N, C-alpha and C. Protein backbone atom coordinates (compact mmCIF):
# COMPACT_ATOMS: atom_id res chain seq x y z
N MET A 1 -4.57 -32.59 -3.15
CA MET A 1 -4.76 -32.24 -1.81
C MET A 1 -3.80 -31.44 -0.73
N TYR A 2 -2.81 -31.57 -1.63
CA TYR A 2 -1.72 -30.34 -0.83
C TYR A 2 -1.83 -29.32 -1.41
N ILE A 3 -2.36 -29.03 -2.51
CA ILE A 3 -2.15 -27.66 -3.17
C ILE A 3 -3.24 -27.13 -2.98
N LEU A 4 -4.25 -27.67 -1.90
CA LEU A 4 -5.75 -27.00 -1.58
C LEU A 4 -4.43 -26.73 0.17
N PHE A 5 -4.01 -27.42 0.85
CA PHE A 5 -3.43 -27.34 2.21
C PHE A 5 -3.03 -25.67 2.16
N TRP A 6 -1.65 -26.04 1.14
CA TRP A 6 -0.65 -25.25 1.33
C TRP A 6 -0.97 -23.49 0.68
N LEU A 7 -1.77 -23.61 -0.68
CA LEU A 7 -2.77 -22.61 -0.62
C LEU A 7 -3.52 -21.70 0.54
N GLY A 8 -4.32 -22.83 0.78
CA GLY A 8 -5.27 -21.85 2.40
C GLY A 8 -4.86 -21.38 2.75
N GLY A 9 -3.07 -22.06 3.37
CA GLY A 9 -2.64 -21.65 4.50
C GLY A 9 -1.57 -20.37 4.12
N ALA A 10 -1.48 -20.21 2.66
CA ALA A 10 -0.94 -18.96 2.12
C ALA A 10 -1.76 -17.74 2.30
N ALA A 11 -3.23 -18.34 1.93
CA ALA A 11 -4.40 -17.28 1.75
C ALA A 11 -4.99 -17.13 3.23
N LEU A 12 -4.70 -17.93 4.43
CA LEU A 12 -4.97 -17.11 5.97
C LEU A 12 -4.02 -16.79 6.09
N VAL A 13 -2.94 -16.29 5.72
CA VAL A 13 -1.57 -15.49 6.33
C VAL A 13 -1.52 -14.97 5.62
N LEU A 14 -2.09 -14.69 4.51
CA LEU A 14 -2.37 -13.04 3.49
C LEU A 14 -3.17 -12.11 3.86
N VAL A 15 -4.14 -12.91 4.11
CA VAL A 15 -5.26 -12.15 5.00
C VAL A 15 -4.89 -11.41 6.31
N ALA A 16 -4.18 -12.13 7.05
CA ALA A 16 -3.96 -11.69 8.09
C ALA A 16 -2.59 -10.36 8.23
N THR A 17 -1.57 -11.37 6.85
CA THR A 17 -1.01 -9.52 6.62
C THR A 17 -1.28 -8.76 6.21
N ILE A 18 -2.34 -7.96 5.17
CA ILE A 18 -2.99 -7.84 5.14
C ILE A 18 -4.06 -6.80 6.14
N ASN A 19 -4.64 -7.65 7.16
CA ASN A 19 -5.09 -7.04 8.27
C ASN A 19 -4.04 -5.94 8.75
N ASP A 20 -2.95 -6.57 9.19
CA ASP A 20 -1.79 -5.98 9.90
C ASP A 20 -1.31 -5.19 9.91
N LEU A 21 -1.43 -4.49 8.39
CA LEU A 21 -0.45 -3.78 7.54
C LEU A 21 -1.98 -2.15 7.63
N THR A 22 -2.97 -2.68 7.69
CA THR A 22 -4.33 -1.17 7.54
C THR A 22 -4.06 -1.07 8.57
N ARG A 23 -4.30 -2.05 9.86
CA ARG A 23 -4.09 -1.61 11.07
C ARG A 23 -2.87 -1.14 12.43
N HIS A 24 -2.33 -1.01 11.25
CA HIS A 24 -0.51 -0.81 11.81
C HIS A 24 0.11 -1.03 12.93
N LYS A 25 -0.50 -2.57 12.95
CA LYS A 25 0.03 -3.22 14.75
C LYS A 25 -0.50 -4.98 13.96
N THR A 26 0.49 -5.80 14.39
CA THR A 26 0.87 -6.95 14.12
C THR A 26 0.65 -7.67 15.30
N ASN A 27 -0.05 -8.84 15.59
CA ASN A 27 0.21 -10.28 16.46
C ASN A 27 0.42 -11.39 15.84
N THR A 28 1.78 -11.20 14.51
CA THR A 28 2.05 -12.63 14.20
C THR A 28 2.68 -12.78 15.52
N VAL A 29 3.49 -12.18 16.54
CA VAL A 29 4.44 -13.62 17.18
C VAL A 29 2.99 -14.49 18.26
N SER A 30 1.62 -13.66 18.01
CA SER A 30 0.85 -14.48 18.78
C SER A 30 0.57 -16.43 18.78
N ILE A 31 1.78 -16.63 17.55
CA ILE A 31 1.93 -17.71 17.63
C ILE A 31 2.46 -18.45 18.73
N PHE A 32 3.11 -17.91 19.60
CA PHE A 32 3.77 -18.31 20.17
C PHE A 32 3.05 -18.69 21.77
N PRO A 33 3.32 -19.24 22.62
CA PRO A 33 2.61 -19.07 23.97
C PRO A 33 2.41 -18.12 24.73
N TRP A 34 1.21 -18.13 25.93
CA TRP A 34 0.57 -16.82 25.99
C TRP A 34 2.18 -16.66 27.14
N TRP A 35 2.99 -17.03 27.27
CA TRP A 35 3.81 -16.12 28.36
C TRP A 35 4.95 -15.41 27.13
N ALA A 36 5.21 -15.63 26.00
CA ALA A 36 6.28 -15.38 25.16
C ALA A 36 5.43 -14.11 23.99
N TRP A 37 3.72 -14.09 24.24
CA TRP A 37 2.73 -13.52 23.63
C TRP A 37 3.51 -11.91 23.53
N PHE A 38 3.26 -11.21 22.40
CA PHE A 38 3.55 -9.21 22.15
C PHE A 38 2.91 -8.89 21.18
N SER A 39 2.64 -8.12 21.36
CA SER A 39 2.05 -7.32 19.73
C SER A 39 3.04 -6.14 19.39
N VAL A 40 3.10 -5.58 18.01
CA VAL A 40 3.86 -5.03 17.41
C VAL A 40 3.40 -4.14 17.08
N THR A 41 3.84 -2.57 17.13
CA THR A 41 3.21 -1.56 16.35
C THR A 41 3.95 -0.99 15.53
N LYS A 42 3.35 -0.33 14.74
CA LYS A 42 4.65 0.52 13.85
C LYS A 42 4.81 1.88 14.03
N GLU A 43 4.15 1.73 14.97
CA GLU A 43 5.15 3.79 15.59
C GLU A 43 5.67 3.32 16.62
N GLY A 44 5.38 2.30 17.55
CA GLY A 44 6.00 1.71 18.39
C GLY A 44 7.84 1.05 18.57
N SER A 45 8.27 0.21 17.08
CA SER A 45 8.98 -0.25 17.10
C SER A 45 9.09 -1.11 16.06
N PRO A 46 9.40 0.16 14.59
CA PRO A 46 8.84 0.37 13.58
C PRO A 46 10.03 -1.37 12.55
N ILE A 47 10.63 -0.86 13.43
CA ILE A 47 12.01 -2.22 12.63
C ILE A 47 11.63 -3.73 12.95
N LEU A 48 11.07 -3.80 14.13
CA LEU A 48 10.47 -4.88 14.55
C LEU A 48 8.46 -5.45 13.78
N TYR A 49 8.25 -4.23 13.23
CA TYR A 49 6.95 -4.70 13.00
C TYR A 49 7.17 -5.43 11.46
N TRP A 50 7.98 -4.05 10.88
CA TRP A 50 8.33 -4.50 9.37
C TRP A 50 8.83 -6.13 9.32
N THR A 51 10.13 -6.00 10.16
CA THR A 51 10.59 -7.62 10.44
C THR A 51 9.37 -8.78 10.14
N CYS A 52 8.36 -8.46 11.11
CA CYS A 52 7.05 -9.40 10.96
C CYS A 52 6.44 -9.25 9.88
N ILE A 53 6.02 -8.24 9.47
CA ILE A 53 5.63 -8.07 8.21
C ILE A 53 6.21 -8.98 6.86
N THR A 54 8.04 -8.52 7.38
CA THR A 54 8.41 -9.28 5.98
C THR A 54 7.86 -10.70 6.36
N ALA A 55 8.48 -11.51 7.38
CA ALA A 55 8.19 -13.12 7.78
C ALA A 55 7.00 -13.28 7.04
N GLN A 56 6.11 -12.80 7.21
CA GLN A 56 4.36 -12.89 6.66
C GLN A 56 4.27 -13.11 5.51
N PHE A 57 5.33 -12.26 4.88
CA PHE A 57 4.57 -12.05 3.15
C PHE A 57 6.07 -13.26 2.73
N LEU A 58 7.22 -13.59 3.34
CA LEU A 58 8.04 -14.80 3.27
C LEU A 58 7.13 -16.08 3.73
N LEU A 59 6.17 -15.78 4.51
CA LEU A 59 6.08 -17.24 4.88
C LEU A 59 4.94 -17.21 3.70
N VAL A 60 3.60 -17.14 3.20
CA VAL A 60 3.03 -16.69 2.26
C VAL A 60 3.89 -17.69 1.13
N ALA A 61 4.76 -16.75 0.59
CA ALA A 61 5.55 -16.96 -1.14
C ALA A 61 5.68 -18.44 -0.53
N ALA A 62 6.87 -19.12 0.76
CA ALA A 62 7.08 -20.64 1.11
C ALA A 62 5.58 -21.53 0.58
N CYS A 63 4.75 -20.92 1.49
CA CYS A 63 3.54 -21.57 0.60
C CYS A 63 3.30 -22.12 -0.02
N VAL A 64 3.35 -20.71 -0.58
CA VAL A 64 2.83 -21.03 -2.45
C VAL A 64 4.24 -22.16 -3.28
N VAL A 65 5.23 -21.62 -3.32
CA VAL A 65 6.21 -23.00 -3.54
C VAL A 65 5.67 -24.59 -3.02
N PHE A 66 5.31 -24.43 -1.75
CA PHE A 66 5.05 -25.64 -1.21
C PHE A 66 4.15 -26.28 -2.25
N ALA A 67 3.16 -25.81 -2.49
CA ALA A 67 2.04 -26.39 -2.75
C ALA A 67 2.02 -27.08 -4.32
N PHE A 68 3.04 -25.86 -4.95
CA PHE A 68 3.17 -26.75 -6.56
C PHE A 68 4.73 -27.28 -6.00
N TRP A 69 5.16 -27.99 -5.77
CA TRP A 69 6.40 -28.52 -5.54
C TRP A 69 6.18 -29.94 -4.62
N THR A 70 6.44 -30.94 -5.00
CA THR A 70 5.95 -32.00 -3.93
C THR A 70 7.11 -33.16 -4.56
N PRO A 71 7.69 -33.59 -3.45
CA PRO A 71 8.63 -34.06 -3.70
C PRO A 71 8.66 -35.43 -4.29
N SER A 72 7.34 -36.32 -3.71
CA SER A 72 7.33 -37.10 -4.32
C SER A 72 6.37 -37.35 -6.05
N GLY A 73 6.20 -36.57 -6.97
CA GLY A 73 6.23 -35.94 -7.46
C GLY A 73 4.40 -36.78 -7.30
N ASP A 74 3.56 -36.48 -6.55
CA ASP A 74 2.17 -36.49 -6.91
C ASP A 74 1.14 -35.49 -7.47
């Protein structure tokens, strides 16, 4: 069950990341409350844009690792 949860999460984040890469705009930080929401464009602030994209790829990698690593051995 954990495998499906983590791989499903990885798939959702990967689809969102690919969408962000094709649109050259990311709404990664929209997971925060409305008062902290802002979008980042590749042209407007490339360093922050690539930081968000990198964070999304790291989240995908972490989800894949957690899918196959369970501390209880289940």
